[in-house]
Amino acid sequence: MSLRNLHEAQERSRRILLLVLAAMLSVSSFLALAVGPVPIGAGDIWAALWPSEDLSRDAQIVQQIRLPRLILGLCVGAVLGVCGAALQGLFRNPLADPGIIGVSSGAALAAGLVIVTGNTFASGFMEWAGNYALPLGAFAGSMIAIVSIYALSQRAGTTSGASLILAGIAINAMAGAALGYLTFLSSDNQLRQLTFWTLGSLGRITWDSLVPVAVLMTIAVALTLRKAAALNTYLLGEREAGHLGLNVERMKKTLIVLGALGVGSAVAVSGIIGFVGLAAPHIIRLFAGADHRIVLPGSALLGALLVMCADLIARTAAAPAELPIGVLTSALGGPFFLWLLGRYRRELF
């Protein structure tokens, strides 16, 4: 087989992979609307999706509860998968995940500060920002975390894998301690909100709170996907990429801002959902290689699929109670992280 035929075969297999992921995501989306304490048939779901003045019980469940939850799960999973893949490419570290390196914890801490102290110390900001207060706070927290991590992990102009992980551990520890103190200070209502954020869940979402963060997450995913070719060039090395015409510093700053925007928006409405940004890119690379033109969209599709499947289990495994989705993803992602640590320990340390 010639090199050209081999390349064409690889391209076809990669496109097939994306089509398979899209088909699986479509099936999981349908199940998310159909399965629950109140089962809804396929015909009823289709009818419930259309606006009507006199909504049936099934239509109310679909339009007011399950559909916004579905859209949120798709957005959160996609943005965590894409941001995880982009951060791994940016830091050149296979363990760079928003949860592991402290980006999610920084966003959660800032969201906790908004919840507990916002009305007391920043009432003007809370009144001005309205529904955007939590996303803005989470974005600021994730931005501070990711910039700090990037600065601490630099060694002689390159990113140190050991420093990256250690910086993430330190930021996670400090954010956890601060969230614990906020829990001590919080009222009963604030405590329930903090518990929701630290465990992770897609519940309690409404259209009013969904729309602004869904727009932000969509922007973050779309703009990050456009950096696929730049990340491929960056894999050659910073100096080589610069010689090829890539503005390396601009790309770094852009990906840092987009990562903070995406992760901050996700954490603001779903809390901490760990390991999605770690697992999705690696699974895609196992099947499709390191080409970011496939890794980024594949990570978005697989991340959305993982979150939707985890949410489906969370809603049905202990019905009518609901398991925290962050607990499920951490239970599955922890062993995966240990496997990756064993596989890449020579490169990292």
C-alpha atoms as a PDB file:
ATOM      1  CA  MET A   1       0.000   0.000   0.000  1.00  0.00           C
ATOM      2  CA  SER A   2       1.406   3.387  -1.001  1.00  0.00           C
ATOM      3  CA  LEU A   3       1.805   6.210   1.485  1.00  0.00           C
ATOM      4  CA  ARG A   4      -1.019   8.091  -0.209  1.00  0.00           C
ATOM      5  CA  ASN A   5      -3.401   5.151   0.076  1.00  0.00           C
ATOM      6  CA  LEU A   6      -2.361   4.627   3.686  1.00  0.00           C
ATOM      7  CA  HIS A   7      -3.043   8.277   4.474  1.00  0.00           C
ATOM      8  CA  GLU A   8      -6.457   8.101   2.809  1.00  0.00           C
ATOM      9  CA  ALA A   9      -7.308   4.951   4.771  1.00  0.00           C
ATOM     10  CA  GLN A  10      -6.334   6.674   8.019  1.00  0.00           C
ATOM     11  CA  GLU A  11      -8.456   9.699   7.164  1.00  0.00           C
ATOM     12  CA  ARG A  12     -11.464   7.478   6.431  1.00  0.00           C
ATOM     13  CA  SER A  13     -11.052   5.597   9.714  1.00  0.00           C
ATOM     14  CA  ARG A  14     -10.853   8.876  11.619  1.00  0.00           C
ATOM     15  CA  ARG A  15     -13.989  10.223   9.971  1.00  0.00           C
ATOM     16  CA  ILE A  16     -15.750   6.943  10.763  1.00  0.00           C
ATOM     17  CA  LEU A  17     -14.685   7.308  14.403  1.00  0.00           C
ATOM     18  CA  LEU A  18     -16.256  10.771  14.592  1.00  0.00           C
ATOM     19  CA  LEU A  19     -19.447   9.510  12.922  1.00  0.00           C
ATOM     20  CA  VAL A  20     -19.682   6.593  15.382  1.00  0.00           C
ATOM     21  CA  LEU A  21     -19.235   8.955  18.337  1.00  0.00           C
ATOM     22  CA  ALA A  22     -21.899  11.299  16.936  1.00  0.00           C
ATOM     23  CA  ALA A  23     -24.314   8.365  16.501  1.00  0.00           C
ATOM     24  CA  MET A  24     -23.678   7.116  20.050  1.00  0.00           C
ATOM     25  CA  LEU A  25     -24.188  10.638  21.377  1.00  0.00           C
ATOM     26  CA  SER A  26     -27.509  10.887  19.528  1.00  0.00           C
ATOM     27  CA  VAL A  27     -28.684   7.616  21.120  1.00  0.00           C
ATOM     28  CA  SER A  28     -27.609   8.744  24.599  1.00  0.00           C
ATOM     29  CA  SER A  29     -29.389  12.080  24.073  1.00  0.00           C
ATOM     30  CA  PHE A  30     -32.603  10.282  23.204  1.00  0.00           C
ATOM     31  CA  LEU A  31     -32.250   8.076  26.295  1.00  0.00           C
ATOM     32  CA  ALA A  32     -31.674  11.178  28.427  1.00  0.00           C
ATOM     33  CA  LEU A  33     -35.085  12.487  27.335  1.00  0.00           C
ATOM     34  CA  ALA A  34     -36.879   9.135  27.541  1.00  0.00           C
ATOM     35  CA  VAL A  35     -35.505   7.447  30.668  1.00  0.00           C
ATOM     36  CA  GLY A  36     -36.277   8.555  34.205  1.00  0.00           C
ATOM     37  CA  PRO A  37     -38.742   8.102  37.055  1.00  0.00           C
ATOM     38  CA  VAL A  38     -41.442   8.886  34.461  1.00  0.00           C
ATOM     39  CA  PRO A  39     -40.703   6.920  31.250  1.00  0.00           C
ATOM     40  CA  ILE A  40     -41.654   8.752  28.065  1.00  0.00           C
ATOM     41  CA  GLY A  41     -42.150   7.061  24.691  1.00  0.00           C
ATOM     42  CA  ALA A  42     -40.439   8.115  21.463  1.00  0.00           C
ATOM     43  CA  GLY A  43     -43.633   9.535  19.945  1.00  0.00           C
ATOM     44  CA  ASP A  44     -44.413  11.509  23.091  1.00  0.00           C
ATOM     45  CA  ILE A  45     -40.883  12.939  23.139  1.00  0.00           C
ATOM     46  CA  TRP A  46     -41.195  14.172  19.568  1.00  0.00           C
ATOM     47  CA  ALA A  47     -44.550  15.776  20.347  1.00  0.00           C
ATOM     48  CA  ALA A  48     -43.210  17.297  23.578  1.00  0.00           C
ATOM     49  CA  LEU A  49     -40.407  19.109  21.758  1.00  0.00           C
ATOM     50  CA  TRP A  50     -42.856  21.360  19.895  1.00  0.00           C
ATOM     51  CA  PRO A  51     -44.233  24.467  21.649  1.00  0.00           C
ATOM     52  CA  SER A  52     -47.861  24.380  22.690  1.00  0.00           C
ATOM     53  CA  GLU A  53     -50.160  26.477  24.845  1.00  0.00           C
ATOM     54  CA  ASP A  54     -51.565  23.419  26.637  1.00  0.00           C
ATOM     55  CA  LEU A  55     -48.603  21.286  27.669  1.00  0.00           C
ATOM     56  CA  SER A  56     -49.170  17.714  28.763  1.00  0.00           C
ATOM     57  CA  ARG A  57     -47.380  16.237  31.764  1.00  0.00           C
ATOM     58  CA  ASP A  58     -44.812  14.553  29.517  1.00  0.00           C
ATOM     59  CA  ALA A  59     -44.238  17.779  27.584  1.00  0.00           C
ATOM     60  CA  GLN A  60     -43.638  19.702  30.814  1.00  0.00           C
ATOM     61  CA  ILE A  61     -41.123  17.104  32.007  1.00  0.00           C
ATOM     62  CA  VAL A  62     -39.264  17.174  28.691  1.00  0.00           C
ATOM     63  CA  GLN A  63     -39.254  20.940  28.109  1.00  0.00           C
ATOM     64  CA  GLN A  64     -38.706  22.155  31.663  1.00  0.00           C
ATOM     65  CA  ILE A  65     -36.515  19.432  33.200  1.00  0.00           C
ATOM     66  CA  ARG A  66     -34.914  16.966  30.816  1.00  0.00           C
ATOM     67  CA  LEU A  67     -34.206  19.113  27.759  1.00  0.00           C
ATOM     68  CA  PRO A  68     -32.251  21.861  29.595  1.00  0.00           C
ATOM     69  CA  ARG A  69     -30.424  19.136  31.499  1.00  0.00           C
ATOM     70  CA  LEU A  70     -29.580  17.410  28.215  1.00  0.00           C
ATOM     71  CA  ILE A  71     -28.230  20.615  26.663  1.00  0.00           C
ATOM     72  CA  LEU A  72     -26.192  21.350  29.780  1.00  0.00           C
ATOM     73  CA  GLY A  73     -24.685  17.850  29.785  1.00  0.00           C
ATOM     74  CA  LEU A  74     -23.735  18.140  26.120  1.00  0.00           C
ATOM     75  CA  CYS A  75     -22.109  21.550  26.648  1.00  0.00           C
ATOM     76  CA  VAL A  76     -20.270  20.596  29.846  1.00  0.00           C
ATOM     77  CA  GLY A  77     -18.963  17.311  28.449  1.00  0.00           C
ATOM     78  CA  ALA A  78     -17.858  18.907  25.185  1.00  0.00           C
ATOM     79  CA  VAL A  79     -16.084  21.831  26.824  1.00  0.00           C
ATOM     80  CA  LEU A  80     -14.318  19.636  29.404  1.00  0.00           C
ATOM     81  CA  GLY A  81     -13.156  17.228  26.693  1.00  0.00           C
ATOM     82  CA  VAL A  82     -11.915  19.985  24.392  1.00  0.00           C
ATOM     83  CA  CYS A  83     -10.240  21.963  27.176  1.00  0.00           C
ATOM     84  CA  GLY A  84      -8.568  18.818  28.492  1.00  0.00           C
ATOM     85  CA  ALA A  85      -7.176  18.005  25.036  1.00  0.00           C
ATOM     86  CA  ALA A  86      -6.040  21.605  24.487  1.00  0.00           C
ATOM     87  CA  LEU A  87      -4.339  21.827  27.897  1.00  0.00           C
ATOM     88  CA  GLN A  88      -2.545  18.533  27.312  1.00  0.00           C
ATOM     89  CA  GLY A  89      -1.259  19.882  24.022  1.00  0.00           C
ATOM     90  CA  LEU A  90      -0.355  23.265  25.480  1.00  0.00           C
ATOM     91  CA  PHE A  91       1.498  21.876  28.516  1.00  0.00           C
ATOM     92  CA  ARG A  92       2.743  18.817  26.570  1.00  0.00           C
ATOM     93  CA  ASN A  93       1.663  16.737  29.519  1.00  0.00           C
ATOM     94  CA  PRO A  94      -0.649  13.706  29.224  1.00  0.00           C
ATOM     95  CA  LEU A  95      -1.971  14.252  32.757  1.00  0.00           C
ATOM     96  CA  ALA A  96      -3.083  17.859  32.236  1.00  0.00           C
ATOM     97  CA  ASP A  97      -6.755  17.767  33.177  1.00  0.00           C
ATOM     98  CA  PRO A  98      -8.766  20.765  34.442  1.00  0.00           C
ATOM     99  CA  GLY A  99      -9.602  18.874  37.633  1.00  0.00           C
ATOM    100  CA  ILE A 100      -6.182  17.408  38.341  1.00  0.00           C
ATOM    101  CA  ILE A 101      -4.114  20.563  37.800  1.00  0.00           C
ATOM    102  CA  GLY A 102      -6.471  22.742  39.846  1.00  0.00           C
ATOM    103  CA  VAL A 103      -8.331  24.744  37.195  1.00  0.00           C
ATOM    104  CA  SER A 104     -11.720  23.348  38.239  1.00  0.00           C
ATOM    105  CA  SER A 105     -10.903  23.899  41.919  1.00  0.00           C
ATOM    106  CA  GLY A 106     -10.007  27.527  41.249  1.00  0.00           C
ATOM    107  CA  ALA A 107     -13.298  28.031  39.440  1.00  0.00           C
ATOM    108  CA  ALA A 108     -15.223  26.276  42.225  1.00  0.00           C
ATOM    109  CA  LEU A 109     -13.550  28.399  44.909  1.00  0.00           C
ATOM    110  CA  ALA A 110     -14.443  31.614  43.097  1.00  0.00           C
ATOM    111  CA  ALA A 111     -18.023  30.387  42.635  1.00  0.00           C
ATOM    112  CA  GLY A 112     -18.130  29.587  46.357  1.00  0.00           C
ATOM    113  CA  LEU A 113     -16.955  33.095  47.212  1.00  0.00           C
ATOM    114  CA  VAL A 114     -19.735  34.537  45.044  1.00  0.00           C
ATOM    115  CA  ILE A 115     -22.329  32.317  46.742  1.00  0.00           C
ATOM    116  CA  VAL A 116     -21.272  32.959  50.339  1.00  0.00           C
ATOM    117  CA  THR A 117     -19.830  36.478  50.351  1.00  0.00           C
ATOM    118  CA  GLY A 118     -21.102  38.060  47.129  1.00  0.00           C
ATOM    119  CA  ASN A 119     -24.177  39.772  48.567  1.00  0.00           C
ATOM    120  CA  THR A 120     -22.200  40.973  51.593  1.00  0.00           C
ATOM    121  CA  PHE A 121     -18.976  42.316  50.092  1.00  0.00           C
ATOM    122  CA  ALA A 122     -19.854  42.770  46.421  1.00  0.00           C
ATOM    123  CA  SER A 123     -23.544  43.622  46.331  1.00  0.00           C
ATOM    124  CA  GLY A 124     -22.999  46.127  43.532  1.00  0.00           C
ATOM    125  CA  PHE A 125     -21.293  43.529  41.360  1.00  0.00           C
ATOM    126  CA  MET A 126     -24.012  40.966  42.127  1.00  0.00           C
ATOM    127  CA  GLU A 127     -26.745  43.414  41.151  1.00  0.00           C
ATOM    128  CA  TRP A 128     -24.907  44.473  37.988  1.00  0.00           C
ATOM    129  CA  ALA A 129     -23.962  40.951  36.852  1.00  0.00           C
ATOM    130  CA  GLY A 130     -27.280  39.245  37.665  1.00  0.00           C
ATOM    131  CA  ASN A 131     -27.313  35.715  36.209  1.00  0.00           C
ATOM    132  CA  TYR A 132     -23.752  36.226  34.984  1.00  0.00           C
ATOM    133  CA  ALA A 133     -22.280  36.646  38.489  1.00  0.00           C
ATOM    134  CA  LEU A 134     -21.438  32.980  38.994  1.00  0.00           C
ATOM    135  CA  PRO A 135     -19.993  32.416  35.497  1.00  0.00           C
ATOM    136  CA  LEU A 136     -17.895  35.579  35.779  1.00  0.00           C
ATOM    137  CA  GLY A 137     -16.614  34.596  39.215  1.00  0.00           C
ATOM    138  CA  ALA A 138     -15.827  31.050  38.082  1.00  0.00           C
ATOM    139  CA  PHE A 139     -14.047  32.379  34.987  1.00  0.00           C
ATOM    140  CA  ALA A 140     -11.892  34.669  37.130  1.00  0.00           C
ATOM    141  CA  GLY A 141     -11.033  31.802  39.491  1.00  0.00           C
ATOM    142  CA  SER A 142     -10.111  29.404  36.690  1.00  0.00           C
ATOM    143  CA  MET A 143      -8.080  32.138  34.971  1.00  0.00           C
ATOM    144  CA  ILE A 144      -6.043  32.827  38.112  1.00  0.00           C
ATOM    145  CA  ALA A 145      -5.508  29.085  38.625  1.00  0.00           C
ATOM    146  CA  ILE A 146      -4.393  28.297  35.082  1.00  0.00           C
ATOM    147  CA  VAL A 147      -2.032  31.292  34.878  1.00  0.00           C
ATOM    148  CA  SER A 148      -0.494  30.338  38.233  1.00  0.00           C
ATOM    149  CA  ILE A 149      -0.059  26.740  37.131  1.00  0.00           C
ATOM    150  CA  TYR A 150       1.553  27.778  33.876  1.00  0.00           C
ATOM    151  CA  ALA A 151       3.994  30.094  35.651  1.00  0.00           C
ATOM    152  CA  LEU A 152       4.929  27.540  38.319  1.00  0.00           C
ATOM    153  CA  SER A 153       5.443  24.703  35.836  1.00  0.00           C
ATOM    154  CA  GLN A 154       7.953  26.603  33.668  1.00  0.00           C
ATOM    155  CA  ARG A 155      11.562  25.499  33.898  1.00  0.00           C
ATOM    156  CA  ALA A 156      14.222  26.911  31.563  1.00  0.00           C
ATOM    157  CA  GLY A 157      11.556  27.932  29.067  1.00  0.00           C
ATOM    158  CA  THR A 158       9.830  24.534  29.009  1.00  0.00           C
ATOM    159  CA  THR A 159       6.960  23.021  30.971  1.00  0.00           C
ATOM    160  CA  SER A 160       7.993  20.603  33.714  1.00  0.00           C
ATOM    161  CA  GLY A 161       5.595  17.676  34.108  1.00  0.00           C
ATOM    162  CA  ALA A 162       6.480  17.162  37.775  1.00  0.00           C
ATOM    163  CA  SER A 163       6.061  20.867  38.566  1.00  0.00           C
ATOM    164  CA  LEU A 164       2.714  20.907  36.762  1.00  0.00           C
ATOM    165  CA  ILE A 165       1.301  18.050  38.832  1.00  0.00           C
ATOM    166  CA  LEU A 166       2.731  19.396  42.103  1.00  0.00           C
ATOM    167  CA  ALA A 167       1.341  22.870  41.400  1.00  0.00           C
ATOM    168  CA  GLY A 168      -2.044  21.307  40.702  1.00  0.00           C
ATOM    169  CA  ILE A 169      -1.930  19.364  43.971  1.00  0.00           C
ATOM    170  CA  ALA A 170      -1.083  22.540  45.890  1.00  0.00           C
ATOM    171  CA  ILE A 171      -3.868  24.576  44.250  1.00  0.00           C
ATOM    172  CA  ASN A 172      -6.401  21.784  44.826  1.00  0.00           C
ATOM    173  CA  ALA A 173      -5.378  21.610  48.491  1.00  0.00           C
ATOM    174  CA  MET A 174      -5.621  25.367  49.033  1.00  0.00           C
ATOM    175  CA  ALA A 175      -8.942  25.595  47.206  1.00  0.00           C
ATOM    176  CA  GLY A 176     -10.286  22.672  49.227  1.00  0.00           C
ATOM    177  CA  ALA A 177      -9.272  24.342  52.483  1.00  0.00           C
ATOM    178  CA  ALA A 178     -10.861  27.636  51.435  1.00  0.00           C
ATOM    179  CA  LEU A 179     -14.065  25.877  50.380  1.00  0.00           C
ATOM    180  CA  GLY A 180     -14.116  24.131  53.751  1.00  0.00           C
ATOM    181  CA  TYR A 181     -13.920  27.496  55.517  1.00  0.00           C
ATOM    182  CA  LEU A 182     -16.684  28.884  53.298  1.00  0.00           C
ATOM    183  CA  THR A 183     -18.786  25.860  54.265  1.00  0.00           C
ATOM    184  CA  PHE A 184     -18.226  26.783  57.914  1.00  0.00           C
ATOM    185  CA  LEU A 185     -19.374  30.356  57.275  1.00  0.00           C
ATOM    186  CA  SER A 186     -22.341  29.540  55.040  1.00  0.00           C
ATOM    187  CA  SER A 187     -26.024  29.510  55.867  1.00  0.00           C
ATOM    188  CA  ASP A 188     -28.200  26.423  55.289  1.00  0.00           C
ATOM    189  CA  ASN A 189     -29.175  27.539  51.790  1.00  0.00           C
ATOM    190  CA  GLN A 190     -25.598  28.473  50.899  1.00  0.00           C
ATOM    191  CA  LEU A 191     -24.386  25.142  52.288  1.00  0.00           C
ATOM    192  CA  ARG A 192     -26.727  23.255  49.959  1.00  0.00           C
ATOM    193  CA  GLN A 193     -25.401  25.236  46.994  1.00  0.00           C
ATOM    194  CA  LEU A 194     -21.773  24.604  47.987  1.00  0.00           C
ATOM    195  CA  THR A 195     -22.426  20.884  48.397  1.00  0.00           C
ATOM    196  CA  PHE A 196     -23.989  20.837  44.932  1.00  0.00           C
ATOM    197  CA  TRP A 197     -20.936  22.569  43.438  1.00  0.00           C
ATOM    198  CA  THR A 198     -18.305  20.394  45.113  1.00  0.00           C
ATOM    199  CA  LEU A 199     -19.981  17.064  44.221  1.00  0.00           C
ATOM    200  CA  GLY A 200     -21.065  17.989  40.694  1.00  0.00           C
ATOM    201  CA  SER A 201     -24.527  17.625  39.221  1.00  0.00           C
ATOM    202  CA  LEU A 202     -26.596  18.605  36.202  1.00  0.00           C
ATOM    203  CA  GLY A 203     -29.732  18.984  38.310  1.00  0.00           C
ATOM    204  CA  ARG A 204     -31.458  22.209  39.291  1.00  0.00           C
ATOM    205  CA  ILE A 205     -30.706  23.770  35.919  1.00  0.00           C
ATOM    206  CA  THR A 206     -33.222  26.201  34.453  1.00  0.00           C
ATOM    207  CA  TRP A 207     -33.422  27.883  31.078  1.00  0.00           C
ATOM    208  CA  ASP A 208     -32.571  31.264  32.625  1.00  0.00           C
ATOM    209  CA  SER A 209     -29.316  29.979  34.135  1.00  0.00           C
ATOM    210  CA  LEU A 210     -28.512  27.705  31.193  1.00  0.00           C
ATOM    211  CA  VAL A 211     -28.587  30.156  28.301  1.00  0.00           C
ATOM    212  CA  PRO A 212     -25.703  32.502  29.289  1.00  0.00           C
ATOM    213  CA  VAL A 213     -23.258  29.729  30.233  1.00  0.00           C
ATOM    214  CA  ALA A 214     -24.234  27.579  27.234  1.00  0.00           C
ATOM    215  CA  VAL A 215     -23.331  30.498  24.974  1.00  0.00           C
ATOM    216  CA  LEU A 216     -19.969  30.919  26.733  1.00  0.00           C
ATOM    217  CA  MET A 217     -19.164  27.196  26.564  1.00  0.00           C
ATOM    218  CA  THR A 218     -20.130  27.051  22.886  1.00  0.00           C
ATOM    219  CA  ILE A 219     -17.816  29.982  22.138  1.00  0.00           C
ATOM    220  CA  ALA A 220     -14.969  28.318  24.056  1.00  0.00           C
ATOM    221  CA  VAL A 221     -15.399  25.020  22.180  1.00  0.00           C
ATOM    222  CA  ALA A 222     -15.734  26.643  18.753  1.00  0.00           C
ATOM    223  CA  LEU A 223     -12.659  28.852  19.143  1.00  0.00           C
ATOM    224  CA  THR A 224     -10.555  26.048  20.633  1.00  0.00           C
ATOM    225  CA  LEU A 225     -11.396  23.771  17.695  1.00  0.00           C
ATOM    226  CA  ARG A 226      -9.958  26.425  15.383  1.00  0.00           C
ATOM    227  CA  LYS A 227      -6.569  26.025  17.132  1.00  0.00           C
ATOM    228  CA  ALA A 228      -6.131  22.401  16.011  1.00  0.00           C
ATOM    229  CA  ALA A 229      -3.609  23.192  13.264  1.00  0.00           C
ATOM    230  CA  ALA A 230      -1.672  25.528  15.582  1.00  0.00           C
ATOM    231  CA  LEU A 231      -1.444  22.804  18.246  1.00  0.00           C
ATOM    232  CA  ASN A 232      -0.170  20.340  15.652  1.00  0.00           C
ATOM    233  CA  THR A 233       2.586  22.796  14.746  1.00  0.00           C
ATOM    234  CA  TYR A 234       3.307  23.443  18.431  1.00  0.00           C
ATOM    235  CA  LEU A 235       3.996  19.724  18.946  1.00  0.00           C
ATOM    236  CA  LEU A 236       7.210  20.180  16.924  1.00  0.00           C
ATOM    237  CA  GLY A 237       8.595  22.458  19.650  1.00  0.00           C
ATOM    238  CA  GLU A 238       8.280  26.156  20.440  1.00  0.00           C
ATOM    239  CA  ARG A 239      11.336  27.224  18.455  1.00  0.00           C
ATOM    240  CA  GLU A 240      10.418  25.107  15.435  1.00  0.00           C
ATOM    241  CA  ALA A 241       6.829  26.313  15.537  1.00  0.00           C
ATOM    242  CA  GLY A 242       8.025  29.916  15.630  1.00  0.00           C
ATOM    243  CA  HIS A 243      10.239  29.328  12.597  1.00  0.00           C
ATOM    244  CA  LEU A 244       7.188  27.967  10.761  1.00  0.00           C
ATOM    245  CA  GLY A 245       5.323  31.224  11.377  1.00  0.00           C
ATOM    246  CA  LEU A 246       3.266  30.345  14.454  1.00  0.00           C
ATOM    247  CA  ASN A 247       2.865  33.124  17.021  1.00  0.00           C
ATOM    248  CA  VAL A 248       3.501  30.840  19.982  1.00  0.00           C
ATOM    249  CA  GLU A 249       2.886  33.364  22.751  1.00  0.00           C
ATOM    250  CA  ARG A 250      -0.418  34.482  21.248  1.00  0.00           C
ATOM    251  CA  MET A 251      -1.539  30.867  20.917  1.00  0.00           C
ATOM    252  CA  LYS A 252      -0.629  30.165  24.537  1.00  0.00           C
ATOM    253  CA  LYS A 253      -2.528  33.179  25.824  1.00  0.00           C
ATOM    254  CA  THR A 254      -5.541  32.370  23.641  1.00  0.00           C
ATOM    255  CA  LEU A 255      -5.733  28.756  24.824  1.00  0.00           C
ATOM    256  CA  ILE A 256      -5.316  29.816  28.461  1.00  0.00           C
ATOM    257  CA  VAL A 257      -8.191  32.301  28.177  1.00  0.00           C
ATOM    258  CA  LEU A 258     -10.399  29.821  26.308  1.00  0.00           C
ATOM    259  CA  GLY A 259      -9.616  27.083  28.841  1.00  0.00           C
ATOM    260  CA  ALA A 260     -10.494  29.385  31.724  1.00  0.00           C
ATOM    261  CA  LEU A 261     -13.676  30.524  29.971  1.00  0.00           C
ATOM    262  CA  GLY A 262     -14.831  26.998  29.176  1.00  0.00           C
ATOM    263  CA  VAL A 263     -13.972  25.361  32.498  1.00  0.00           C
ATOM    264  CA  GLY A 264     -15.208  28.342  34.506  1.00  0.00           C
ATOM    265  CA  SER A 265     -18.555  28.345  32.711  1.00  0.00           C
ATOM    266  CA  ALA A 266     -18.930  24.595  33.183  1.00  0.00           C
ATOM    267  CA  VAL A 267     -18.090  24.666  36.885  1.00  0.00           C
ATOM    268  CA  ALA A 268     -20.446  27.610  37.433  1.00  0.00           C
ATOM    269  CA  VAL A 269     -23.492  25.490  36.557  1.00  0.00           C
ATOM    270  CA  SER A 270     -22.438  21.866  37.065  1.00  0.00           C
ATOM    271  CA  GLY A 271     -19.845  21.975  39.807  1.00  0.00           C
ATOM    272  CA  ILE A 272     -16.679  19.880  39.658  1.00  0.00           C
ATOM    273  CA  ILE A 273     -16.975  16.944  37.251  1.00  0.00           C
ATOM    274  CA  GLY A 274     -13.567  15.367  37.234  1.00  0.00           C
ATOM    275  CA  PHE A 275     -11.528  13.222  34.832  1.00  0.00           C
ATOM    276  CA  VAL A 276     -13.668  13.822  31.714  1.00  0.00           C
ATOM    277  CA  GLY A 277     -10.989  16.130  30.315  1.00  0.00           C
ATOM    278  CA  LEU A 278      -8.359  13.496  31.134  1.00  0.00           C
ATOM    279  CA  ALA A 279     -10.032  10.373  29.765  1.00  0.00           C
ATOM    280  CA  ALA A 280     -11.690  11.644  26.580  1.00  0.00           C
ATOM    281  CA  PRO A 281      -8.543  12.928  24.771  1.00  0.00           C
ATOM    282  CA  HIS A 282      -6.553   9.802  25.629  1.00  0.00           C
ATOM    283  CA  ILE A 283      -9.234   7.439  24.378  1.00  0.00           C
ATOM    284  CA  ILE A 284      -9.404   9.390  21.110  1.00  0.00           C
ATOM    285  CA  ARG A 285      -5.610   9.284  20.735  1.00  0.00           C
ATOM    286  CA  LEU A 286      -5.622   5.501  21.211  1.00  0.00           C
ATOM    287  CA  PHE A 287      -7.845   5.151  18.133  1.00  0.00           C
ATOM    288  CA  ALA A 288      -6.902   8.155  15.989  1.00  0.00           C
ATOM    289  CA  GLY A 289      -3.392   9.268  16.901  1.00  0.00           C
ATOM    290  CA  ALA A 290      -2.197  12.697  17.996  1.00  0.00           C
ATOM    291  CA  ASP A 291      -3.607  14.854  15.179  1.00  0.00           C
ATOM    292  CA  HIS A 292      -5.514  17.637  16.960  1.00  0.00           C
ATOM    293  CA  ARG A 293      -7.809  18.030  13.942  1.00  0.00           C
ATOM    294  CA  ILE A 294      -9.306  14.711  15.119  1.00  0.00           C
ATOM    295  CA  VAL A 295      -8.409  14.807  18.817  1.00  0.00           C
ATOM    296  CA  LEU A 296     -10.232  18.085  19.557  1.00  0.00           C
ATOM    297  CA  PRO A 297     -13.617  17.315  17.914  1.00  0.00           C
ATOM    298  CA  GLY A 298     -13.360  13.684  19.021  1.00  0.00           C
ATOM    299  CA  SER A 299     -12.731  14.776  22.618  1.00  0.00           C
ATOM    300  CA  ALA A 300     -15.745  17.090  22.434  1.00  0.00           C
ATOM    301  CA  LEU A 301     -18.011  14.262  21.245  1.00  0.00           C
ATOM    302  CA  LEU A 302     -16.622  11.671  23.652  1.00  0.00           C
ATOM    303  CA  GLY A 303     -16.631  14.100  26.581  1.00  0.00           C
ATOM    304  CA  ALA A 304     -20.296  14.870  25.950  1.00  0.00           C
ATOM    305  CA  LEU A 305     -21.021  11.139  25.648  1.00  0.00           C
ATOM    306  CA  LEU A 306     -19.242  10.343  28.942  1.00  0.00           C
ATOM    307  CA  VAL A 307     -21.112  13.069  30.822  1.00  0.00           C
ATOM    308  CA  MET A 308     -24.483  12.028  29.363  1.00  0.00           C
ATOM    309  CA  CYS A 309     -23.906   8.368  30.278  1.00  0.00           C
ATOM    310  CA  ALA A 310     -22.753   9.290  33.788  1.00  0.00           C
ATOM    311  CA  ASP A 311     -25.783  11.532  34.256  1.00  0.00           C
ATOM    312  CA  LEU A 312     -28.110   8.780  33.051  1.00  0.00           C
ATOM    313  CA  ILE A 313     -26.640   6.415  35.638  1.00  0.00           C
ATOM    314  CA  ALA A 314     -26.807   9.107  38.328  1.00  0.00           C
ATOM    315  CA  ARG A 315     -30.527   9.698  37.667  1.00  0.00           C
ATOM    316  CA  THR A 316     -31.575   6.049  37.506  1.00  0.00           C
ATOM    317  CA  ALA A 317     -29.244   3.963  39.700  1.00  0.00           C
ATOM    318  CA  ALA A 318     -30.769   5.118  43.004  1.00  0.00           C
ATOM    319  CA  ALA A 319     -34.108   6.568  41.799  1.00  0.00           C
ATOM    320  CA  PRO A 320     -35.943   8.540  43.061  1.00  0.00           C
ATOM    321  CA  ALA A 321     -32.734   9.824  44.685  1.00  0.00           C
ATOM    322  CA  GLU A 322     -29.948  11.157  42.490  1.00  0.00           C
ATOM    323  CA  LEU A 323     -26.259  10.335  42.762  1.00  0.00           C
ATOM    324  CA  PRO A 324     -23.745  13.180  42.356  1.00  0.00           C
ATOM    325  CA  ILE A 325     -22.303  12.893  38.854  1.00  0.00           C
ATOM    326  CA  GLY A 326     -18.897  14.068  40.038  1.00  0.00           C
ATOM    327  CA  VAL A 327     -18.691  11.058  42.350  1.00  0.00           C
ATOM    328  CA  LEU A 328     -19.309   8.683  39.436  1.00  0.00           C
ATOM    329  CA  THR A 329     -16.755  10.280  37.115  1.00  0.00           C
ATOM    330  CA  SER A 330     -14.138  10.341  39.891  1.00  0.00           C
ATOM    331  CA  ALA A 331     -14.767   6.691  40.758  1.00  0.00           C
ATOM    332  CA  LEU A 332     -14.179   5.709  37.136  1.00  0.00           C
ATOM    333  CA  GLY A 333     -11.488   8.275  36.383  1.00  0.00           C
ATOM    334  CA  GLY A 334      -9.276   7.575  39.409  1.00  0.00           C
ATOM    335  CA  PRO A 335      -8.102   4.134  38.195  1.00  0.00           C
ATOM    336  CA  PHE A 336      -7.671   5.553  34.691  1.00  0.00           C
ATOM    337  CA  PHE A 337      -5.437   8.300  36.081  1.00  0.00           C
ATOM    338  CA  LEU A 338      -3.306   5.741  37.951  1.00  0.00           C
ATOM    339  CA  TRP A 339      -2.926   3.737  34.732  1.00  0.00           C
ATOM    340  CA  LEU A 340      -1.796   6.853  32.874  1.00  0.00           C
ATOM    341  CA  LEU A 341       0.602   7.748  35.679  1.00  0.00           C
ATOM    342  CA  GLY A 342       2.201   4.325  35.428  1.00  0.00           C
ATOM    343  CA  ARG A 343       2.393   4.512  31.644  1.00  0.00           C
ATOM    344  CA  TYR A 344       3.947   7.992  31.431  1.00  0.00           C
ATOM    345  CA  ARG A 345       5.973   8.187  34.659  1.00  0.00           C
ATOM    346  CA  ARG A 346       9.328   8.121  32.862  1.00  0.00           C
ATOM    347  CA  GLU A 347       8.335  11.063  30.650  1.00  0.00           C
ATOM    348  CA  LEU A 348       6.878  13.004  33.569  1.00  0.00           C
ATOM    349  CA  PHE A 349       9.516  12.497  36.211  1.00  0.00           C
END
